[in-house]
Protein backbone atom coordinates (compact mmCIF):
# COMPACT_ATOMS: atom_id res chain seq x y z
CA MET A 1 159.97 109.78 182.88
CA ASN A 2 162.12 106.75 182.13
CA LYS A 3 159.90 104.66 184.39
CA VAL A 4 156.74 105.76 182.53
CA LEU A 5 158.43 105.05 179.20
CA CYS A 6 159.39 101.56 180.35
CA ILE A 7 155.82 100.80 181.41
CA VAL A 8 154.45 102.01 178.06
CA ILE A 9 157.00 99.92 176.16
CA ALA A 10 156.23 96.84 178.30
CA ILE A 11 152.48 97.17 177.80
CA SER A 12 152.93 97.75 174.05
CA SER A 13 155.18 94.71 173.81
CA LEU A 14 152.65 92.52 175.59
CA PHE A 15 149.87 93.82 173.34
CA LEU A 16 151.87 93.17 170.18
CA TRP A 17 152.83 89.70 171.44
CA ALA A 18 149.18 88.87 172.11
CA CYS A 19 148.13 90.07 168.66
CA LYS A 20 150.90 88.08 167.06
CA LYS A 21 150.15 84.90 168.96
CA GLN A 22 146.35 85.00 168.76
CA PRO A 23 145.04 86.79 165.64
CA VAL A 24 141.25 86.61 165.68
CA SER A 25 141.04 85.87 161.97
CA SER A 26 143.09 82.69 162.27
CA ILE A 27 141.49 81.09 165.32
CA PRO A 28 140.26 77.67 164.17
CA PRO A 29 136.79 76.39 165.12
CA ARG A 30 136.78 75.07 168.66
CA ASP A 31 136.73 71.29 168.83
CA LEU A 32 134.07 70.50 171.39
CA ASN A 33 134.25 66.72 171.27
CA ALA A 34 135.96 66.32 174.62
CA GLU A 35 134.06 68.95 176.56
CA LEU A 36 130.58 69.35 175.11
CA LEU A 37 129.54 66.47 172.86
CA ALA A 38 128.06 64.43 175.69
CA SER A 39 125.89 67.38 176.78
CA PHE A 40 125.02 68.65 173.30
CA HIS A 41 121.22 68.67 172.87
CA PRO A 42 119.97 70.19 169.60
CA ALA A 43 116.33 71.26 169.58
CA GLN A 44 114.08 68.41 168.42
CA VAL A 45 110.40 68.42 167.45
CA ASP A 46 108.54 65.92 169.61
CA PHE A 47 104.95 65.11 168.69
CA ILE A 48 102.28 62.43 168.93
CA TYR A 49 100.03 63.31 165.97
CA MET A 50 100.79 65.75 163.16
CA THR A 51 98.94 67.28 160.18
CA LEU A 52 100.60 69.23 157.36
CA ARG A 53 99.13 70.93 154.30
CA SER A 54 101.80 71.69 151.74
CA LYS A 55 102.60 72.90 148.24
CA VAL A 56 105.31 70.84 146.54
CA GLU A 57 107.37 71.37 143.42
CA TYR A 58 109.31 68.40 142.08
CA THR A 59 111.94 68.78 139.34
CA ASP A 60 114.03 66.19 137.53
CA GLU A 61 115.44 65.64 134.05
CA ALA A 62 111.89 65.27 132.69
CA GLY A 63 110.79 68.70 133.91
CA ALA A 64 108.90 70.21 136.83
CA ILE A 65 105.50 69.44 138.35
CA GLN A 66 103.57 71.11 141.17
CA PHE A 67 101.04 69.49 143.45
CA SER A 68 99.46 69.73 146.90
CA THR A 69 99.86 67.27 149.75
CA LEU A 70 98.01 66.52 152.94
CA THR A 71 100.25 64.71 155.42
CA ARG A 72 99.19 63.01 158.63
CA ALA A 73 101.43 61.15 161.02
CA LYS A 74 101.46 59.20 164.23
CA LYS A 75 104.93 59.27 165.68
CA ASP A 76 106.97 56.10 165.08
CA SER A 77 103.93 54.39 163.58
CA VAL A 78 102.58 55.78 160.31
CA LEU A 79 103.09 58.52 157.73
CA TRP A 80 100.00 59.07 155.53
CA PHE A 81 99.91 61.21 152.37
CA SER A 82 97.16 62.43 150.05
CA ILE A 83 98.60 63.96 146.86
CA SER A 84 96.37 66.08 144.65
CA LYS A 85 96.48 68.46 141.72
CA ALA A 86 93.84 71.05 140.88
CA GLY A 87 91.82 69.77 143.84
CA VAL A 88 91.68 66.17 142.60
CA GLU A 89 93.40 63.43 144.60
CA GLY A 90 95.66 61.38 142.35
CA VAL A 91 97.72 59.35 144.81
CA ARG A 92 97.24 58.18 148.37
CA ALA A 93 100.19 56.65 150.19
CA MET A 94 100.91 55.19 153.59
CA ILE A 95 104.35 54.42 155.03
CA ARG A 96 104.84 52.08 157.96
CA PRO A 97 108.20 51.39 159.63
CA ASP A 98 108.74 48.40 157.32
CA SER A 99 106.49 48.95 154.29
CA VAL A 100 105.05 51.36 151.73
CA PHE A 101 101.51 51.29 150.27
CA MET A 102 100.21 53.42 147.40
CA MET A 103 96.94 53.86 145.51
CA ASP A 104 96.98 55.41 142.05
CA ARG A 105 93.45 56.80 141.86
CA MET A 106 93.87 57.94 138.26
CA ASN A 107 94.56 54.42 136.97
CA ASN A 108 92.87 52.29 139.66
CA ASP A 109 96.15 50.65 140.64
CA TYR A 110 97.43 49.55 144.06
CA PHE A 111 101.07 49.05 145.01
CA SER A 112 102.77 47.58 148.09
CA TYR A 113 106.51 47.55 148.70
CA ASP A 114 109.02 47.09 151.46
CA LEU A 115 110.92 50.16 152.63
CA ALA A 116 113.78 49.42 150.21
CA TYR A 117 111.53 50.72 147.40
CA LEU A 118 111.31 54.14 149.04
CA GLN A 119 115.06 54.17 149.53
CA GLN A 120 115.55 53.46 145.83
CA LEU A 121 113.00 56.12 144.89
CA MET A 122 114.72 58.75 147.04
CA LYS A 123 118.20 57.53 146.09
CA ALA A 124 119.02 57.61 149.80
CA ASP A 125 119.37 55.00 152.54
CA LEU A 126 116.47 56.29 154.63
CA SER A 127 114.82 54.36 157.43
CA TYR A 128 111.31 55.16 158.65
CA SER A 129 112.81 57.09 161.55
CA ASN A 130 115.06 59.07 159.19
CA LEU A 131 112.11 59.99 156.98
CA GLN A 132 110.00 61.04 159.96
CA ASN A 133 112.82 63.23 161.22
CA LEU A 134 113.30 64.73 157.76
CA VAL A 135 109.65 65.79 157.61
CA VAL A 136 109.75 67.75 160.90
CA GLY A 137 113.35 69.00 160.70
CA ASN A 138 114.98 66.83 163.35
CA LEU A 139 118.45 65.33 163.21
CA MET A 140 118.18 62.14 161.19
CA TYR A 141 120.59 60.31 163.49
CA GLU A 142 120.95 60.65 167.23
CA VAL A 143 124.13 62.21 168.56
CA SER A 144 126.70 59.58 169.53
CA PRO A 145 130.18 59.68 171.15
CA ASN A 146 131.71 58.80 167.78
CA ASP A 147 130.44 62.00 166.13
CA ARG A 148 132.54 65.10 165.57
CA LEU A 149 131.30 68.47 166.80
CA ILE A 150 132.82 71.89 166.27
CA LYS A 151 131.59 75.40 166.96
CA GLN A 152 131.95 78.10 164.32
CA ASP A 153 131.16 81.45 165.87
CA GLU A 154 131.79 83.28 162.59
CA SER A 155 129.18 81.24 160.71
CA GLY A 156 126.74 80.93 163.61
CA TYR A 157 126.60 77.13 163.50
CA TYR A 158 127.50 74.03 165.39
CA ILE A 159 128.71 71.55 162.78
CA LEU A 160 128.00 67.93 163.66
CA THR A 161 129.62 65.30 161.44
CA GLN A 162 128.40 61.69 161.56
CA LYS A 163 129.44 58.51 159.74
CA LYS A 164 127.07 55.59 159.27
CA ASP A 165 128.73 52.82 157.21
CA SER A 166 129.26 54.42 153.77
CA LEU A 167 127.10 57.44 154.64
CA TYR A 168 128.66 60.75 155.71
CA VAL A 169 126.29 63.28 157.27
CA THR A 170 127.14 66.90 158.05
CA ASN A 171 124.55 68.80 160.13
CA TYR A 172 124.50 72.57 160.59
CA ILE A 173 122.73 73.57 163.82
CA ARG A 174 122.23 77.23 164.71
CA LEU A 175 124.07 78.50 167.77
CA ASP A 176 121.25 80.77 168.92
CA ASN A 177 118.30 78.37 168.94
CA LEU A 178 119.92 74.92 168.39
CA LYS A 179 117.65 74.25 165.40
CA LEU A 180 118.86 72.18 162.48
CA GLU A 181 119.06 74.32 159.32
CA LYS A 182 121.16 72.38 156.81
CA VAL A 183 122.08 68.74 156.19
CA ASN A 184 124.58 67.39 153.65
CA MET A 185 124.54 63.62 153.11
CA ILE A 186 127.00 61.73 150.90
CA ASP A 187 126.76 57.99 150.29
CA SER A 188 130.13 56.87 148.93
CA SER A 189 128.83 53.39 148.12
CA ALA A 190 125.72 54.46 146.20
CA MET A 191 127.52 57.48 144.73
CA SER A 192 124.67 59.75 145.73
CA ALA A 193 124.26 62.95 147.70
CA MET A 194 121.34 64.73 149.34
CA ASN A 195 121.32 68.31 150.61
CA ILE A 196 118.48 69.62 152.78
CA VAL A 197 117.82 73.23 153.78
CA TYR A 198 115.16 74.23 156.34
CA SER A 199 113.95 77.83 156.54
CA ASP A 200 111.07 80.15 157.49
CA PHE A 201 110.69 78.80 161.02
CA ILE A 202 107.36 79.40 162.74
CA TYR A 203 105.59 78.41 165.95
CA ALA A 204 102.91 75.77 165.44
CA ASP A 205 101.13 74.61 168.62
CA SER A 206 104.11 75.87 170.67
CA LEU A 207 106.63 73.91 168.55
CA TYR A 208 109.25 75.86 166.58
CA VAL A 209 109.31 74.21 163.16
CA PRO A 210 110.46 74.99 159.60
CA SER A 211 107.67 75.86 157.18
CA THR A 212 109.94 75.52 154.13
CA CYS A 213 112.16 72.62 153.12
CA ALA A 214 114.33 72.36 150.00
CA ILE A 215 115.86 68.99 149.05
CA ALA A 216 118.46 68.49 146.33
CA ILE A 217 119.39 64.92 145.36
CA SER A 218 122.12 63.87 142.93
CA TYR A 219 123.10 60.33 141.93
CA MET A 220 124.82 58.35 139.20
CA LYS A 221 122.91 56.35 136.59
CA ASP A 222 124.38 54.93 133.37
CA ASN A 223 127.56 56.94 134.01
CA LYS A 224 125.56 60.17 134.16
CA THR A 225 124.84 62.45 137.08
CA LEU A 226 121.12 62.98 137.55
CA ASN A 227 119.43 65.48 139.83
CA LYS A 228 116.12 65.69 141.64
CA ASP A 229 114.95 68.84 143.43
CA ILE A 230 112.02 69.02 145.83
CA SER A 231 110.69 72.27 147.24
CA ILE A 232 108.10 72.03 150.04
CA LEU A 233 106.12 74.93 151.52
CA HIS A 234 103.82 74.11 154.44
CA SER A 235 100.73 76.32 154.58
CA LYS A 236 99.35 74.60 157.68
CA MET A 237 101.09 72.72 160.48
CA GLU A 238 99.26 71.20 163.44
CA PHE A 239 100.53 69.03 166.30
CA THR A 240 98.07 67.40 168.67
CA ASN A 241 97.55 64.59 171.15
CA LYS A 242 94.14 63.78 169.65
CA PRO A 243 94.08 60.65 167.45
CA LEU A 244 93.90 61.11 163.69
CA ASN A 245 92.45 58.85 161.01
CA PHE A 246 94.60 57.33 158.26
CA PRO A 247 92.02 56.07 155.73
CA PHE A 248 93.43 53.58 153.26
CA ASN A 249 90.72 51.30 151.94
CA VAL A 250 91.62 49.77 148.58
CA PRO A 251 88.57 49.33 146.27
CA LYS A 252 88.11 45.81 144.88
CA LYS A 253 88.36 47.08 141.32
CA TYR A 254 91.94 48.25 141.89
CA GLU A 255 94.63 46.08 140.32
CA ASN A 256 97.44 45.02 142.66
CA LYS A 257 100.71 45.84 140.92
C-alpha cells in the first residue's frame, strides 16, 4: 500500500510541476526566425492577365462617394482602370511601373505624372509592385532574412514584421491556408498609417483570392489627423493567359494638365 501511495504522490508531483512550469495560458508565441523563416512561403496570387469588376466606396473628410471600376492588368507591366458612376465613365487611368496617366472624361482633361504623385495621393510609399500586390492580396514585400516571424496558435496567424527604411509593416497570414488577411503599415517619417483587411475569399480560375478589401489610411496635415477609407467589393474576378487590351487614346480636344 505504501508503494502504491508513493507512486501516486510521485506522479501527482510531476504533474503539478509540469503545470507550474508550463501553463498553457502563458506560453509566448513561438519565435520561428531561426528554424522556419527561410522556408516560410505564404500563398501568393500569380497571374499573367487579370480583369476585375468592382464596387468601391471612398470616404474622407468631405463625405462618401460610390462608384464602379473595371480593372485590367498585365503582371509587372500595366494596371488599367475605368471608373464610372451610374453607367457613365468619368475617369480612365493607366499606371505603369514609373508613371501614371489619367483622362477626366467629364472635363476633357488629361494628366500625366510620375509614380510619386500616386504615392502622395495614397499617402503611402507604394511602388508599382506594391500596388499590384495590394490589388490581388499578396505580401507587398518579399520575405527576407531580416524579417521577424512568429506563430500565434491562439489567434490563428503567422505574424510577419518587416522594416523598410522608415516604414514598418506587420502582416497577418492565416495558419490554415497561408493567405494574407491583414496588413498594418506605419511610416514614421511621413507620419501616416495604412491598414488593409482582406476577406470573403473565393476561387477564381483556380486561384484563391479575396473578393473584399477594406483600406483605412490616416495621415497628418496642418497638425490635424485626416482619414481616408476605401471599401472594395469585387463582383467579377478573372485570371487568364490570353492578352487583354488597355485602350488609352487621348482625344486631341483634351487639355494636358
